[in-house]
Protein backbone atom coordinates (compact mmCIF):
# COMPACT_ATOMS: atom_id res chain seq x y z
CA UNK A 1 -6.08 33.73 11.34
CA UNK A 2 -5.46 29.96 11.44
CA UNK A 3 -7.17 27.22 8.73
CA UNK A 4 -9.03 24.70 10.93
CA UNK A 5 -8.42 22.03 8.22
CA UNK A 6 -4.58 22.51 7.77
CA UNK A 7 -4.55 22.70 12.50
CA UNK A 8 -6.20 18.96 11.64
CA UNK A 9 -3.39 18.19 8.91
CA UNK A 10 -1.11 18.14 11.42
CA UNK A 11 -2.31 17.35 14.63
CA UNK A 12 -3.41 14.13 12.63
CA UNK A 13 0.28 13.61 11.33
CA UNK A 14 1.56 14.36 15.16
CA UNK A 15 -1.01 11.43 16.18
CA UNK A 16 0.05 8.89 13.74
CA UNK A 17 3.78 9.84 14.51
CA UNK A 18 2.80 9.20 18.37
CA UNK A 19 4.08 12.91 19.11
CA UNK A 20 3.02 15.81 20.77
CA UNK A 21 3.50 19.15 19.51
CA UNK A 22 4.55 22.64 22.08
CA UNK A 23 2.70 25.32 21.66
CA UNK A 24 5.54 26.95 19.79
CA UNK A 25 6.28 24.08 17.34
CA UNK A 26 2.93 24.16 16.36
CA UNK A 27 2.41 27.74 15.76
CA UNK A 28 5.96 27.17 13.75
CA UNK A 29 4.78 24.75 11.70
CA UNK A 30 1.60 26.95 10.73
CA UNK A 31 4.29 29.81 9.86
CA UNK A 32 3.82 31.78 12.89
CA UNK A 33 6.44 32.60 16.05
CA UNK A 34 4.98 32.07 19.18
CA UNK A 35 3.25 35.19 20.58
CA UNK A 36 0.49 34.83 23.51
CA UNK A 37 -2.05 36.28 21.36
CA UNK A 38 -1.52 33.90 18.03
CA UNK A 39 -1.40 31.25 21.33
CA UNK A 40 -5.35 32.60 22.06
CA UNK A 41 -6.17 32.25 18.36
CA UNK A 42 -4.64 28.56 18.17
CA UNK A 43 -6.45 27.34 21.23
CA UNK A 44 -9.94 28.50 19.76
CA UNK A 45 -9.41 26.45 17.25
CA UNK A 46 -8.10 23.38 19.35
CA UNK A 47 -11.23 23.78 21.28
CA UNK A 48 -13.67 23.85 17.79
CA UNK A 49 -11.72 20.79 16.82
CA UNK A 50 -11.87 18.95 19.60
CA UNK A 51 -15.69 19.95 19.98
CA UNK A 52 -16.28 19.14 16.07
CA UNK A 53 -14.80 15.55 17.11
CA UNK A 54 -16.41 14.78 20.02
CA UNK A 55 -19.50 15.16 17.86
CA UNK A 56 -17.95 12.82 14.99
CA UNK A 57 -17.19 10.20 17.85
CA UNK A 58 -13.34 10.80 17.38
CA UNK A 59 -11.16 11.82 20.28
CA UNK A 60 -9.87 15.27 20.52
CA UNK A 61 -6.31 16.55 19.28
CA UNK A 62 -5.94 19.39 20.87
CA UNK A 63 -4.02 17.31 23.88
CA UNK A 64 -1.62 16.71 21.49
CA UNK A 65 -0.06 20.51 22.36
CA UNK A 66 1.57 20.96 24.63
CA UNK A 67 3.40 23.46 27.09
CA UNK A 68 7.28 22.79 26.96
CA UNK A 69 7.61 23.38 30.39
CA UNK A 70 6.03 20.02 31.16
CA UNK A 71 4.58 18.08 28.44
CA UNK A 72 0.64 19.10 29.54
CA UNK A 73 -1.85 21.39 27.62
CA UNK A 74 -2.80 25.07 29.04
CA UNK A 75 -4.93 25.21 32.09
CA UNK A 76 -7.48 26.36 29.40
CA UNK A 77 -7.47 22.73 27.42
CA UNK A 78 -8.83 21.19 31.18
CA UNK A 79 -11.23 24.22 31.85
CA UNK A 80 -13.01 24.00 28.98
CA UNK A 81 -13.66 20.23 28.67
CA UNK A 82 -14.11 20.16 33.08
CA UNK A 83 -18.47 20.44 31.90
CA UNK A 84 -17.57 16.81 29.73
CA UNK A 85 -15.54 15.30 33.07
CA UNK A 86 -18.42 12.48 33.50
CA UNK A 87 -18.25 11.74 29.36
CA UNK A 88 -14.09 11.32 29.24
CA UNK A 89 -12.29 8.25 29.64
CA UNK A 90 -9.88 8.13 32.91
CA UNK A 91 -10.09 9.78 36.00
CA UNK A 92 -10.73 13.34 35.90
CA UNK A 93 -7.38 14.95 37.61
CA UNK A 94 -8.20 17.51 40.56
CA UNK A 95 -5.36 20.23 39.04
CA UNK A 96 -4.24 21.06 36.07
CA UNK A 97 -0.95 20.35 37.06
CA UNK A 98 1.30 17.23 38.38
CA UNK A 99 0.95 13.62 38.24
CA UNK A 100 -2.60 13.40 38.25
CA UNK A 101 -2.69 15.83 35.26
CA UNK A 102 0.50 14.01 33.66
CA UNK A 103 -1.29 10.39 33.74
CA UNK A 104 -5.10 12.12 32.53
CA UNK A 105 -3.21 13.89 29.22
CA UNK A 106 -0.82 10.19 28.79
CA UNK A 107 -4.21 8.60 28.45
CA UNK A 108 -5.83 10.72 26.01
CA UNK A 109 -2.77 10.86 23.82
CA UNK A 110 -2.82 7.45 23.91
CA UNK A 111 -6.01 7.39 22.74
CA UNK A 112 -5.14 10.07 19.88
CA UNK A 113 -2.29 7.67 18.72
CA UNK A 114 -4.08 4.73 18.72
CA UNK A 115 -7.08 5.93 16.82
CA UNK A 116 -5.09 7.67 14.45
CA UNK A 117 -2.36 4.99 13.51
CA UNK A 118 -5.02 2.77 13.22
CA UNK A 119 -5.29 0.91 9.76
């Protein structure tokens, strides 16, 4: 459904610009309106991208795709990375909402921004 290369290029552009994208914005850039099935399909591509990035020594970019309501990735982002909590920088949040989650997401967004802005 989604071209992983296109998703990666959109996310790299967002990282270079220092911007997060809502799920709806991301789907719109891919030529789709927001639906839950499309969002779930996008999340699978985002998870696969982040696993490839982890293996390549790059920061994940899925953290840049967030809910409009609170600026956080969905619960699935946290759950799918929980097994990596010892490897990931920053204090692993106890919940996927609230101040701890916001701080954790901000740290990982900054890591992505800094990495992709580098000359």
